């Protein structure tokens, strides 16, 4: 996230009620993105799922939270699920890091463990990290549609060539992106588009499908 004024640098705090941002210090116009924030959690997983609640304790929050807990329990240690604390005073800043305007929202991110032959400290994050987000409350509150969305995104993040996907996102090559997803993860194009996912890169650049 780059601004004309001082840009904040954040650290991730795990609390009993969920994740929070802790502000460290200003770095002028230096860019700080979700890839910097999540570098620690991403180091041991292939997929990291993160849910931002509505802040109104709506039915969608209860349904999405329960669904994600079930999903997390049914996956291996290579997939991690976490939840943002709605009482975090920097909640809006956390949303902005992921290019999100309003909650509720679900974000699934590529983990660094997907490159087992690489040294995590030497990985150039911009080459291989991207996220898939869902913000449609009707999808997040419907267990069956949520399962479809999460399972599709999970397979894409686990199985597709991440650098190829990142290149298509950066170039806004939607047809090539969908073709790569279909080939790499066996995801049906029309079914994915109906879920209105957004593919994003660190720094806020994104493309929305559907």
N, C-alpha and C. Protein backbone atom coordinates (compact mmCIF):
# COMPACT_ATOMS: atom_id res chain seq x y z
N UNK A 1 0.86 -1.19 0.00
CA UNK A 1 0.00 0.00 0.00
C UNK A 1 0.89 1.23 0.00
N UNK A 2 0.90 1.99 -1.09
CA UNK A 2 1.73 3.18 -1.20
C UNK A 2 0.86 4.42 -1.15
N UNK A 3 1.25 5.40 -0.37
CA UNK A 3 0.48 6.64 -0.26
C UNK A 3 1.40 7.81 -0.47
N UNK A 4 0.81 9.01 -0.59
CA UNK A 4 1.62 10.21 -0.79
C UNK A 4 2.27 10.65 0.50
N UNK A 5 1.71 10.26 1.65
CA UNK A 5 2.27 10.59 2.94
C UNK A 5 2.99 9.41 3.53
N UNK A 6 3.31 9.49 4.84
CA UNK A 6 3.99 8.37 5.49
C UNK A 6 3.15 7.10 5.41
N UNK A 7 3.79 6.00 5.04
CA UNK A 7 3.09 4.72 4.94
C UNK A 7 3.39 3.90 6.19
N UNK A 8 2.33 3.36 6.79
CA UNK A 8 2.51 2.58 8.01
C UNK A 8 3.11 1.22 7.71
N UNK A 9 3.87 0.72 8.66
CA UNK A 9 4.33 -0.65 8.61
C UNK A 9 3.68 -1.37 9.77
N UNK A 10 3.18 -2.59 9.49
CA UNK A 10 2.38 -3.29 10.47
C UNK A 10 3.02 -4.60 10.90
N UNK A 11 2.60 -5.07 12.05
CA UNK A 11 2.93 -6.43 12.46
C UNK A 11 1.62 -7.15 12.76
N UNK A 12 1.65 -8.46 12.66
CA UNK A 12 0.45 -9.25 12.88
C UNK A 12 0.41 -9.72 14.33
N UNK A 13 -0.73 -9.51 14.98
CA UNK A 13 -0.90 -9.92 16.37
C UNK A 13 -2.02 -10.95 16.45
N UNK A 14 -1.73 -12.09 17.09
CA UNK A 14 -2.75 -13.11 17.31
C UNK A 14 -3.33 -12.93 18.70
N UNK A 15 -4.62 -12.66 18.80
CA UNK A 15 -5.28 -12.47 20.08
C UNK A 15 -6.31 -13.59 20.27
N UNK A 16 -6.91 -13.64 21.45
CA UNK A 16 -7.90 -14.67 21.72
C UNK A 16 -9.14 -14.52 20.85
N UNK A 17 -9.39 -13.31 20.38
CA UNK A 17 -10.58 -13.06 19.57
C UNK A 17 -10.28 -12.94 18.07
N UNK A 18 -9.05 -13.19 17.67
CA UNK A 18 -8.71 -13.15 16.26
C UNK A 18 -7.48 -12.31 15.99
N UNK A 19 -7.17 -12.13 14.72
CA UNK A 19 -5.99 -11.37 14.31
C UNK A 19 -6.22 -9.87 14.44
N UNK A 20 -5.14 -9.14 14.72
CA UNK A 20 -5.17 -7.69 14.77
C UNK A 20 -3.89 -7.15 14.15
N UNK A 21 -3.95 -5.88 13.75
CA UNK A 21 -2.77 -5.18 13.26
C UNK A 21 -2.13 -4.40 14.41
N UNK A 22 -0.83 -4.42 14.47
CA UNK A 22 -0.09 -3.56 15.37
C UNK A 22 0.80 -2.66 14.55
N UNK A 23 0.70 -1.34 14.75
CA UNK A 23 1.48 -0.41 13.94
C UNK A 23 2.87 -0.24 14.53
N UNK A 24 3.88 -0.31 13.67
CA UNK A 24 5.26 -0.19 14.12
C UNK A 24 5.76 1.24 13.98
N UNK A 25 6.00 1.69 12.75
CA UNK A 25 6.50 3.05 12.56
C UNK A 25 6.34 3.43 11.09
N UNK A 26 6.49 4.70 10.80
CA UNK A 26 6.34 5.17 9.42
C UNK A 26 7.61 4.92 8.63
N UNK A 27 7.45 4.64 7.33
CA UNK A 27 8.58 4.40 6.45
C UNK A 27 8.50 5.29 5.21
N UNK A 28 8.05 6.52 5.37
CA UNK A 28 7.96 7.40 4.21
C UNK A 28 6.99 6.85 3.20
N UNK A 29 7.44 6.68 1.96
CA UNK A 29 6.58 6.15 0.92
C UNK A 29 6.90 4.70 0.61
N UNK A 30 7.62 4.03 1.49
CA UNK A 30 7.95 2.62 1.26
C UNK A 30 6.67 1.78 1.23
N UNK A 31 6.61 0.88 0.27
CA UNK A 31 5.42 0.04 0.13
C UNK A 31 5.41 -1.07 1.16
N UNK A 32 4.25 -1.26 1.79
CA UNK A 32 4.04 -2.37 2.70
C UNK A 32 2.76 -3.07 2.28
N UNK A 33 2.82 -4.37 2.03
CA UNK A 33 1.67 -5.10 1.51
C UNK A 33 1.34 -6.30 2.39
N UNK A 34 0.25 -6.99 2.03
CA UNK A 34 -0.13 -8.16 2.81
C UNK A 34 0.91 -9.26 2.73
N UNK A 35 1.74 -9.27 1.70
CA UNK A 35 2.79 -10.30 1.62
C UNK A 35 3.83 -10.08 2.73
N UNK A 36 4.10 -8.83 3.07
CA UNK A 36 5.01 -8.53 4.18
C UNK A 36 4.35 -8.90 5.51
N UNK A 37 3.08 -8.57 5.65
CA UNK A 37 2.36 -8.84 6.89
C UNK A 37 2.27 -10.33 7.18
N UNK A 38 2.03 -11.14 6.15
CA UNK A 38 1.76 -12.55 6.35
C UNK A 38 2.96 -13.45 6.13
N UNK A 39 4.12 -12.88 5.99
CA UNK A 39 5.29 -13.71 5.65
C UNK A 39 5.50 -14.84 6.65
N UNK A 40 5.30 -14.56 7.93
CA UNK A 40 5.46 -15.61 8.94
C UNK A 40 4.46 -16.73 8.78
N UNK A 41 3.15 -16.43 8.82
CA UNK A 41 2.14 -17.48 8.66
C UNK A 41 2.22 -18.24 7.34
N UNK A 42 2.64 -17.56 6.27
CA UNK A 42 2.69 -18.21 4.96
C UNK A 42 3.87 -19.16 4.83
N UNK A 43 4.84 -19.05 5.72
CA UNK A 43 6.06 -19.84 5.59
C UNK A 43 5.88 -21.33 5.77
N UNK A 44 4.81 -21.75 6.43
CA UNK A 44 4.64 -23.18 6.73
C UNK A 44 3.41 -23.80 6.07
N UNK A 45 2.73 -23.05 5.20
CA UNK A 45 1.51 -23.56 4.58
C UNK A 45 1.55 -23.40 3.07
N UNK A 46 0.61 -24.10 2.42
CA UNK A 46 0.41 -23.91 0.98
C UNK A 46 -0.78 -23.00 0.71
N UNK A 47 -1.75 -23.01 1.62
CA UNK A 47 -2.93 -22.14 1.48
C UNK A 47 -3.26 -21.54 2.84
N UNK A 48 -3.48 -20.23 2.86
CA UNK A 48 -3.85 -19.53 4.10
C UNK A 48 -5.18 -18.84 3.86
N UNK A 49 -6.21 -19.24 4.63
CA UNK A 49 -7.55 -18.67 4.48
C UNK A 49 -7.82 -17.72 5.64
N UNK A 50 -8.38 -16.55 5.32
CA UNK A 50 -8.58 -15.51 6.31
C UNK A 50 -9.96 -14.88 6.12
N UNK A 51 -10.75 -14.86 7.19
CA UNK A 51 -12.11 -14.31 7.11
C UNK A 51 -12.22 -13.00 7.87
N UNK A 52 -12.80 -11.99 7.21
CA UNK A 52 -13.10 -10.70 7.83
C UNK A 52 -14.60 -10.62 8.09
N UNK A 53 -15.04 -10.61 9.36
CA UNK A 53 -16.47 -10.57 9.66
C UNK A 53 -17.09 -9.20 9.39
N UNK A 54 -18.41 -9.17 9.40
CA UNK A 54 -19.14 -7.95 9.05
C UNK A 54 -19.07 -6.86 10.11
N UNK A 55 -18.69 -7.19 11.33
CA UNK A 55 -18.70 -6.29 12.50
C UNK A 55 -20.11 -6.06 13.04
N UNK A 56 -21.10 -6.81 12.53
CA UNK A 56 -22.47 -6.68 13.03
C UNK A 56 -23.02 -8.03 13.52
N UNK A 57 -22.15 -9.03 13.61
CA UNK A 57 -22.57 -10.35 14.06
C UNK A 57 -23.78 -10.83 13.29
N UNK A 58 -23.71 -10.71 11.97
CA UNK A 58 -24.80 -11.12 11.10
C UNK A 58 -24.82 -12.64 10.93
N UNK A 59 -25.93 -13.19 10.46
CA UNK A 59 -25.98 -14.63 10.19
C UNK A 59 -24.86 -15.10 9.26
N UNK A 60 -24.47 -14.24 8.32
CA UNK A 60 -23.39 -14.63 7.41
C UNK A 60 -22.10 -14.91 8.18
N UNK A 61 -21.84 -14.18 9.26
CA UNK A 61 -20.62 -14.38 10.03
C UNK A 61 -20.62 -15.74 10.73
N UNK A 62 -21.76 -16.07 11.34
CA UNK A 62 -21.86 -17.36 12.02
C UNK A 62 -21.72 -18.51 11.03
N UNK A 63 -22.39 -18.38 9.88
CA UNK A 63 -22.35 -19.45 8.88
C UNK A 63 -20.96 -19.60 8.27
N UNK A 64 -20.35 -18.47 7.90
CA UNK A 64 -19.01 -18.52 7.29
C UNK A 64 -17.98 -19.04 8.29
N UNK A 65 -18.06 -18.59 9.53
CA UNK A 65 -17.10 -19.02 10.55
C UNK A 65 -17.22 -20.52 10.79
N UNK A 66 -18.44 -21.01 10.94
CA UNK A 66 -18.63 -22.44 11.18
C UNK A 66 -18.14 -23.26 9.99
N UNK A 67 -18.47 -22.80 8.78
CA UNK A 67 -18.05 -23.51 7.58
C UNK A 67 -16.53 -23.58 7.48
N UNK A 68 -15.85 -22.47 7.78
CA UNK A 68 -14.40 -22.44 7.67
C UNK A 68 -13.74 -23.28 8.75
N UNK A 69 -14.33 -23.33 9.94
CA UNK A 69 -13.77 -24.19 10.99
C UNK A 69 -13.88 -25.66 10.59
N UNK A 70 -15.00 -26.03 10.00
CA UNK A 70 -15.16 -27.40 9.52
C UNK A 70 -14.15 -27.70 8.42
N UNK A 71 -14.01 -26.75 7.49
CA UNK A 71 -13.05 -26.90 6.40
C UNK A 71 -11.63 -27.05 6.95
N UNK A 72 -11.26 -26.19 7.90
CA UNK A 72 -9.92 -26.26 8.46
C UNK A 72 -9.63 -27.58 9.14
N UNK A 73 -10.62 -28.11 9.85
CA UNK A 73 -10.44 -29.39 10.53
C UNK A 73 -10.33 -30.56 9.55
N UNK A 74 -10.84 -30.36 8.33
CA UNK A 74 -10.85 -31.44 7.34
C UNK A 74 -9.68 -31.36 6.36
N UNK A 75 -8.74 -30.45 6.59
CA UNK A 75 -7.59 -30.31 5.71
C UNK A 75 -6.31 -30.65 6.47
N UNK A 76 -5.23 -30.80 5.72
CA UNK A 76 -3.94 -31.12 6.33
C UNK A 76 -3.30 -29.87 6.93
N UNK A 77 -2.15 -30.04 7.54
CA UNK A 77 -1.42 -28.93 8.12
C UNK A 77 -0.89 -27.96 7.08
N UNK A 78 -1.01 -28.29 5.80
CA UNK A 78 -0.57 -27.39 4.74
C UNK A 78 -1.60 -26.30 4.44
N UNK A 79 -2.76 -26.40 5.07
CA UNK A 79 -3.80 -25.37 4.93
C UNK A 79 -4.10 -24.79 6.31
N UNK A 80 -4.13 -23.47 6.41
CA UNK A 80 -4.40 -22.81 7.68
C UNK A 80 -5.59 -21.86 7.53
N UNK A 81 -6.45 -21.83 8.55
CA UNK A 81 -7.62 -20.95 8.55
C UNK A 81 -7.54 -20.02 9.76
N UNK A 82 -7.82 -18.74 9.54
CA UNK A 82 -7.79 -17.79 10.64
C UNK A 82 -8.88 -16.73 10.45
N UNK A 83 -9.11 -15.93 11.49
CA UNK A 83 -10.20 -14.97 11.50
C UNK A 83 -9.70 -13.63 12.03
N UNK A 84 -10.17 -12.54 11.40
CA UNK A 84 -9.75 -11.21 11.86
C UNK A 84 -10.67 -10.75 12.99
N UNK A 85 -10.08 -10.12 13.99
CA UNK A 85 -10.83 -9.61 15.12
C UNK A 85 -11.57 -8.34 14.70
N UNK A 86 -12.92 -8.34 14.71
CA UNK A 86 -13.66 -7.15 14.27
C UNK A 86 -13.46 -5.95 15.19
N UNK A 87 -12.94 -6.18 16.40
CA UNK A 87 -12.72 -5.07 17.33
C UNK A 87 -11.35 -4.42 17.15
N UNK A 88 -10.58 -4.92 16.20
CA UNK A 88 -9.28 -4.33 15.91
C UNK A 88 -9.46 -2.87 15.46
N UNK A 89 -8.78 -1.94 16.12
CA UNK A 89 -8.93 -0.53 15.75
C UNK A 89 -8.35 -0.24 14.37
N UNK A 90 -7.55 -1.17 13.84
CA UNK A 90 -6.99 -1.00 12.50
C UNK A 90 -7.69 -1.92 11.49
N UNK A 91 -8.91 -2.30 11.80
CA UNK A 91 -9.66 -3.23 10.95
C UNK A 91 -9.74 -2.73 9.51
N UNK A 92 -10.06 -1.45 9.34
CA UNK A 92 -10.19 -0.88 7.99
C UNK A 92 -8.86 -0.91 7.24
N UNK A 93 -7.77 -0.68 7.97
CA UNK A 93 -6.44 -0.72 7.34
C UNK A 93 -6.12 -2.14 6.88
N UNK A 94 -6.54 -3.13 7.66
CA UNK A 94 -6.31 -4.52 7.29
C UNK A 94 -7.08 -4.86 6.01
N UNK A 95 -8.31 -4.42 5.93
CA UNK A 95 -9.09 -4.63 4.71
C UNK A 95 -8.40 -4.00 3.51
N UNK A 96 -7.91 -2.78 3.70
CA UNK A 96 -7.28 -2.05 2.60
C UNK A 96 -6.03 -2.75 2.09
N UNK A 97 -5.29 -3.39 2.99
CA UNK A 97 -4.09 -4.12 2.56
C UNK A 97 -4.43 -5.18 1.53
N UNK A 98 -5.63 -5.78 1.65
CA UNK A 98 -6.04 -6.82 0.72
C UNK A 98 -6.90 -6.29 -0.42
N UNK A 99 -7.02 -4.97 -0.52
CA UNK A 99 -7.81 -4.38 -1.59
C UNK A 99 -9.29 -4.55 -1.40
N UNK A 100 -9.72 -4.75 -0.15
CA UNK A 100 -11.14 -4.95 0.16
C UNK A 100 -11.77 -3.64 0.61
N UNK A 101 -13.02 -3.42 0.21
CA UNK A 101 -13.71 -2.19 0.59
C UNK A 101 -14.53 -2.36 1.85
N UNK A 102 -15.26 -3.46 1.93
CA UNK A 102 -16.14 -3.69 3.06
C UNK A 102 -16.15 -5.17 3.43
N UNK A 103 -16.37 -5.46 4.72
CA UNK A 103 -16.60 -6.84 5.12
C UNK A 103 -18.09 -7.17 4.95
N UNK A 104 -18.49 -8.43 4.96
CA UNK A 104 -17.65 -9.60 5.19
C UNK A 104 -16.85 -9.95 3.94
N UNK A 105 -15.75 -10.62 4.15
CA UNK A 105 -14.89 -11.01 3.04
C UNK A 105 -14.06 -12.23 3.43
N UNK A 106 -13.82 -13.06 2.46
CA UNK A 106 -12.97 -14.23 2.63
C UNK A 106 -11.81 -14.13 1.66
N UNK A 107 -10.59 -14.29 2.17
CA UNK A 107 -9.38 -14.23 1.35
C UNK A 107 -8.60 -15.52 1.51
N UNK A 108 -8.20 -16.12 0.40
CA UNK A 108 -7.32 -17.29 0.42
C UNK A 108 -6.03 -16.92 -0.30
N UNK A 109 -4.90 -17.20 0.35
CA UNK A 109 -3.60 -16.73 -0.12
C UNK A 109 -2.67 -17.91 -0.38
N UNK A 110 -1.83 -17.78 -1.39
CA UNK A 110 -0.81 -18.79 -1.63
C UNK A 110 0.22 -18.78 -0.50
N UNK A 111 0.58 -19.96 -0.02
CA UNK A 111 1.60 -20.06 1.01
C UNK A 111 2.97 -20.34 0.44
N UNK A 112 3.99 -20.02 1.18
CA UNK A 112 5.37 -20.20 0.70
C UNK A 112 5.80 -21.65 0.68
N UNK A 113 5.09 -22.52 1.43
CA UNK A 113 5.47 -23.92 1.48
C UNK A 113 5.25 -24.61 0.15
N UNK A 114 4.54 -23.95 -0.76
CA UNK A 114 4.32 -24.52 -2.09
C UNK A 114 5.59 -24.57 -2.90
N UNK A 115 6.66 -23.95 -2.41
CA UNK A 115 7.95 -23.99 -3.09
C UNK A 115 8.97 -24.66 -2.16
N UNK A 116 8.85 -25.97 -1.95
CA UNK A 116 9.67 -26.66 -0.95
C UNK A 116 11.16 -26.66 -1.24
N UNK A 117 11.54 -26.46 -2.50
CA UNK A 117 12.95 -26.49 -2.83
C UNK A 117 13.62 -25.14 -2.63
N UNK A 118 12.82 -24.12 -2.33
CA UNK A 118 13.37 -22.77 -2.19
C UNK A 118 13.58 -22.41 -0.73
N UNK A 119 14.54 -21.54 -0.50
CA UNK A 119 14.75 -20.98 0.82
C UNK A 119 13.75 -19.85 1.00
N UNK A 120 12.90 -19.95 2.03
CA UNK A 120 11.84 -18.95 2.23
C UNK A 120 12.41 -17.55 2.28
N UNK A 121 13.58 -17.38 2.89
CA UNK A 121 14.17 -16.05 3.03
C UNK A 121 14.64 -15.48 1.69
N UNK A 122 14.79 -16.35 0.69
CA UNK A 122 15.30 -15.89 -0.59
C UNK A 122 14.22 -15.77 -1.67
N UNK A 123 13.00 -16.16 -1.32
CA UNK A 123 11.92 -16.10 -2.30
C UNK A 123 11.54 -14.65 -2.59
N UNK A 124 11.44 -14.32 -3.86
CA UNK A 124 10.96 -13.00 -4.24
C UNK A 124 9.43 -13.07 -4.23
N UNK A 125 8.82 -12.49 -3.23
CA UNK A 125 7.40 -12.68 -3.00
C UNK A 125 6.55 -12.25 -4.18
N UNK A 126 6.93 -11.18 -4.85
CA UNK A 126 6.10 -10.66 -5.94
C UNK A 126 6.03 -11.63 -7.11
N UNK A 127 6.93 -12.60 -7.18
CA UNK A 127 6.94 -13.55 -8.29
C UNK A 127 5.88 -14.64 -8.14
N UNK A 128 5.45 -14.91 -6.91
CA UNK A 128 4.60 -16.07 -6.76
C UNK A 128 3.48 -15.99 -5.76
N UNK A 129 3.20 -14.84 -5.19
CA UNK A 129 2.11 -14.74 -4.23
C UNK A 129 0.92 -14.02 -4.84
N UNK A 130 -0.24 -14.59 -4.66
CA UNK A 130 -1.48 -13.93 -5.05
C UNK A 130 -2.58 -14.43 -4.13
N UNK A 131 -3.70 -13.75 -4.16
CA UNK A 131 -4.82 -14.17 -3.32
C UNK A 131 -6.09 -14.23 -4.13
N UNK A 132 -7.06 -14.98 -3.63
CA UNK A 132 -8.39 -15.07 -4.22
C UNK A 132 -9.38 -14.68 -3.14
N UNK A 133 -10.20 -13.68 -3.41
CA UNK A 133 -11.14 -13.21 -2.39
C UNK A 133 -12.58 -13.31 -2.87
N UNK A 134 -13.48 -13.48 -1.90
CA UNK A 134 -14.91 -13.54 -2.14
C UNK A 134 -15.59 -12.56 -1.19
N UNK A 135 -16.48 -11.72 -1.73
CA UNK A 135 -17.13 -10.71 -0.90
C UNK A 135 -18.66 -10.74 -1.02
N UNK A 136 -19.19 -11.66 -1.78
CA UNK A 136 -20.63 -11.77 -1.95
C UNK A 136 -21.23 -12.44 -0.70
N UNK A 137 -22.00 -11.69 0.08
CA UNK A 137 -22.55 -12.22 1.33
C UNK A 137 -23.48 -13.39 1.08
N UNK A 138 -24.15 -13.42 -0.07
CA UNK A 138 -25.04 -14.55 -0.37
C UNK A 138 -24.25 -15.84 -0.54
N UNK A 139 -23.05 -15.74 -1.05
CA UNK A 139 -22.19 -16.92 -1.18
C UNK A 139 -21.62 -17.31 0.17
N UNK A 140 -21.14 -16.32 0.92
CA UNK A 140 -20.51 -16.60 2.21
C UNK A 140 -21.49 -17.15 3.24
N UNK A 141 -22.77 -16.86 3.07
CA UNK A 141 -23.76 -17.31 4.04
C UNK A 141 -24.45 -18.61 3.64
N UNK A 142 -24.15 -19.10 2.45
CA UNK A 142 -24.75 -20.34 1.95
C UNK A 142 -23.71 -21.45 2.03
N UNK A 143 -23.93 -22.44 2.90
CA UNK A 143 -22.92 -23.46 3.15
C UNK A 143 -22.48 -24.17 1.87
N UNK A 144 -23.43 -24.52 1.00
CA UNK A 144 -23.08 -25.24 -0.21
C UNK A 144 -22.27 -24.37 -1.18
N UNK A 145 -22.70 -23.13 -1.38
CA UNK A 145 -21.99 -22.25 -2.31
C UNK A 145 -20.63 -21.85 -1.73
N UNK A 146 -20.57 -21.67 -0.42
CA UNK A 146 -19.30 -21.36 0.23
C UNK A 146 -18.32 -22.52 0.05
N UNK A 147 -18.83 -23.74 0.21
CA UNK A 147 -17.97 -24.92 0.03
C UNK A 147 -17.42 -24.97 -1.39
N UNK A 148 -18.27 -24.67 -2.36
CA UNK A 148 -17.81 -24.67 -3.75
C UNK A 148 -16.73 -23.62 -3.96
N UNK A 149 -16.96 -22.42 -3.44
CA UNK A 149 -15.99 -21.34 -3.61
C UNK A 149 -14.65 -21.68 -2.95
N UNK A 150 -14.70 -22.15 -1.72
CA UNK A 150 -13.47 -22.44 -0.99
C UNK A 150 -12.72 -23.61 -1.63
N UNK A 151 -13.46 -24.66 -2.00
CA UNK A 151 -12.80 -25.81 -2.60
C UNK A 151 -12.15 -25.46 -3.93
N UNK A 152 -12.83 -24.64 -4.73
CA UNK A 152 -12.24 -24.24 -6.01
C UNK A 152 -10.98 -23.41 -5.79
N UNK A 153 -11.09 -22.39 -4.93
CA UNK A 153 -9.93 -21.53 -4.67
C UNK A 153 -8.77 -22.34 -4.10
N UNK A 154 -9.09 -23.26 -3.21
CA UNK A 154 -8.06 -24.10 -2.58
C UNK A 154 -7.31 -24.92 -3.62
N UNK A 155 -8.06 -25.53 -4.55
CA UNK A 155 -7.42 -26.33 -5.59
C UNK A 155 -6.56 -25.47 -6.51
N UNK A 156 -7.05 -24.27 -6.83
CA UNK A 156 -6.27 -23.37 -7.68
C UNK A 156 -4.95 -23.00 -7.01
N UNK A 157 -5.02 -22.63 -5.74
CA UNK A 157 -3.82 -22.21 -5.01
C UNK A 157 -2.86 -23.37 -4.79
N UNK A 158 -3.39 -24.57 -4.64
CA UNK A 158 -2.55 -25.73 -4.40
C UNK A 158 -1.89 -26.27 -5.67
N UNK A 159 -2.61 -26.22 -6.77
CA UNK A 159 -2.20 -26.99 -7.94
C UNK A 159 -1.69 -26.18 -9.13
N UNK A 160 -2.13 -24.95 -9.27
CA UNK A 160 -1.74 -24.17 -10.44
C UNK A 160 -0.34 -23.57 -10.30
N UNK A 161 0.28 -23.31 -11.44
CA UNK A 161 1.59 -22.67 -11.46
C UNK A 161 1.44 -21.23 -11.01
N UNK A 162 1.95 -20.92 -9.84
CA UNK A 162 1.70 -19.60 -9.26
C UNK A 162 2.30 -18.46 -10.08
N UNK A 163 3.48 -18.64 -10.62
CA UNK A 163 4.09 -17.56 -11.40
C UNK A 163 3.31 -17.30 -12.69
N UNK A 164 2.76 -18.37 -13.27
CA UNK A 164 1.93 -18.20 -14.45
C UNK A 164 0.66 -17.42 -14.10
N UNK A 165 0.04 -17.77 -12.99
CA UNK A 165 -1.18 -17.08 -12.57
C UNK A 165 -0.90 -15.61 -12.28
N UNK A 166 0.19 -15.35 -11.56
CA UNK A 166 0.56 -13.97 -11.23
C UNK A 166 0.76 -13.15 -12.50
N UNK A 167 1.42 -13.74 -13.50
CA UNK A 167 1.65 -13.04 -14.75
C UNK A 167 0.36 -12.66 -15.46
N UNK A 168 -0.61 -13.57 -15.44
CA UNK A 168 -1.89 -13.29 -16.08
C UNK A 168 -2.68 -12.24 -15.31
N UNK A 169 -2.60 -12.26 -13.99
CA UNK A 169 -3.28 -11.24 -13.20
C UNK A 169 -2.68 -9.87 -13.50
N UNK A 170 -1.36 -9.80 -13.47
CA UNK A 170 -0.67 -8.53 -13.70
C UNK A 170 -0.97 -7.98 -15.09
N UNK A 171 -1.11 -8.88 -16.07
CA UNK A 171 -1.38 -8.44 -17.44
C UNK A 171 -2.86 -8.35 -17.77
N UNK A 172 -3.72 -8.62 -16.76
CA UNK A 172 -5.17 -8.62 -16.94
C UNK A 172 -5.59 -9.52 -18.11
N UNK A 173 -4.94 -10.66 -18.23
CA UNK A 173 -5.25 -11.60 -19.29
C UNK A 173 -6.27 -12.61 -18.77
N UNK A 174 -7.53 -12.21 -18.79
CA UNK A 174 -8.59 -12.99 -18.16
C UNK A 174 -8.76 -14.36 -18.83
N UNK A 175 -8.80 -14.39 -20.15
CA UNK A 175 -8.99 -15.66 -20.85
C UNK A 175 -7.84 -16.62 -20.57
N UNK A 176 -6.62 -16.11 -20.57
CA UNK A 176 -5.47 -16.96 -20.29
C UNK A 176 -5.49 -17.43 -18.84
N UNK A 177 -5.93 -16.55 -17.94
CA UNK A 177 -6.03 -16.91 -16.52
C UNK A 177 -7.03 -18.05 -16.33
N UNK A 178 -8.19 -17.94 -16.95
CA UNK A 178 -9.20 -18.97 -16.82
C UNK A 178 -8.75 -20.28 -17.46
N UNK A 179 -8.05 -20.18 -18.58
CA UNK A 179 -7.54 -21.40 -19.23
C UNK A 179 -6.51 -22.10 -18.35
N UNK A 180 -5.62 -21.31 -17.74
CA UNK A 180 -4.59 -21.90 -16.86
C UNK A 180 -5.23 -22.55 -15.64
N UNK A 181 -6.27 -21.93 -15.11
CA UNK A 181 -6.97 -22.48 -13.95
C UNK A 181 -7.66 -23.79 -14.32
N UNK A 182 -8.31 -23.80 -15.48
CA UNK A 182 -8.99 -25.00 -15.92
C UNK A 182 -8.03 -26.14 -16.16
N UNK A 183 -6.88 -25.82 -16.75
CA UNK A 183 -5.88 -26.85 -17.03
C UNK A 183 -5.17 -27.33 -15.77
N UNK A 184 -4.84 -26.39 -14.88
CA UNK A 184 -4.05 -26.75 -13.71
C UNK A 184 -4.84 -27.34 -12.57
N UNK A 185 -6.08 -26.85 -12.38
CA UNK A 185 -6.87 -27.30 -11.23
C UNK A 185 -8.16 -27.99 -11.62
N UNK A 186 -8.43 -28.09 -12.90
CA UNK A 186 -9.65 -28.75 -13.35
C UNK A 186 -10.91 -28.01 -12.98
N UNK A 187 -10.80 -26.69 -12.78
CA UNK A 187 -11.95 -25.88 -12.39
C UNK A 187 -12.74 -25.47 -13.64
N UNK A 188 -14.05 -25.61 -13.58
CA UNK A 188 -14.91 -25.24 -14.69
C UNK A 188 -15.08 -23.73 -14.72
N UNK A 189 -14.81 -23.15 -15.86
CA UNK A 189 -14.80 -21.69 -15.99
C UNK A 189 -16.11 -21.05 -15.55
N UNK A 190 -17.23 -21.50 -16.11
CA UNK A 190 -18.51 -20.86 -15.82
C UNK A 190 -18.87 -20.96 -14.34
N UNK A 191 -18.57 -22.08 -13.73
CA UNK A 191 -18.89 -22.26 -12.31
C UNK A 191 -18.07 -21.31 -11.45
N UNK A 192 -16.80 -21.11 -11.82
CA UNK A 192 -15.94 -20.19 -11.08
C UNK A 192 -16.42 -18.76 -11.24
N UNK A 193 -16.73 -18.35 -12.44
CA UNK A 193 -17.16 -16.97 -12.72
C UNK A 193 -18.43 -16.63 -11.95
N UNK A 194 -19.33 -17.59 -11.80
CA UNK A 194 -20.58 -17.35 -11.06
C UNK A 194 -20.34 -17.02 -9.59
N UNK A 195 -19.17 -17.34 -9.08
CA UNK A 195 -18.85 -17.08 -7.68
C UNK A 195 -18.22 -15.70 -7.48
N UNK A 196 -17.98 -14.97 -8.56
CA UNK A 196 -17.46 -13.60 -8.53
C UNK A 196 -16.16 -13.47 -7.72
N UNK A 197 -15.15 -14.30 -7.97
CA UNK A 197 -13.91 -14.16 -7.22
C UNK A 197 -13.07 -12.99 -7.74
N UNK A 198 -12.23 -12.47 -6.88
CA UNK A 198 -11.26 -11.46 -7.27
C UNK A 198 -9.87 -12.02 -7.04
N UNK A 199 -9.03 -11.96 -8.06
CA UNK A 199 -7.64 -12.40 -7.96
C UNK A 199 -6.78 -11.17 -7.72
N UNK A 200 -6.01 -11.15 -6.63
CA UNK A 200 -5.24 -9.97 -6.28
C UNK A 200 -3.77 -10.25 -6.03
N UNK A 201 -2.97 -9.21 -6.21
CA UNK A 201 -1.54 -9.28 -5.96
C UNK A 201 -1.19 -8.38 -4.78
N UNK A 202 -0.06 -8.62 -4.13
CA UNK A 202 0.38 -7.71 -3.07
C UNK A 202 0.48 -6.28 -3.60
N UNK A 203 -0.08 -5.34 -2.87
CA UNK A 203 -0.07 -3.95 -3.30
C UNK A 203 -1.42 -3.48 -3.78
N UNK A 204 -2.39 -4.40 -3.92
CA UNK A 204 -3.75 -3.98 -4.24
C UNK A 204 -4.18 -4.18 -5.68
N UNK A 205 -3.26 -4.55 -6.60
CA UNK A 205 -3.64 -4.77 -7.98
C UNK A 205 -4.49 -6.03 -8.07
N UNK A 206 -5.63 -5.96 -8.78
CA UNK A 206 -6.52 -7.11 -8.82
C UNK A 206 -7.36 -7.14 -10.08
N UNK A 207 -7.93 -8.32 -10.36
CA UNK A 207 -8.89 -8.48 -11.44
C UNK A 207 -10.06 -9.27 -10.90
N UNK A 208 -11.27 -8.84 -11.23
CA UNK A 208 -12.48 -9.50 -10.75
C UNK A 208 -13.12 -10.31 -11.88
N UNK A 209 -13.56 -11.50 -11.57
CA UNK A 209 -14.24 -12.35 -12.54
C UNK A 209 -15.73 -12.32 -12.26
N UNK A 210 -16.52 -12.28 -13.31
CA UNK A 210 -17.95 -12.31 -13.14
C UNK A 210 -18.56 -10.94 -12.91
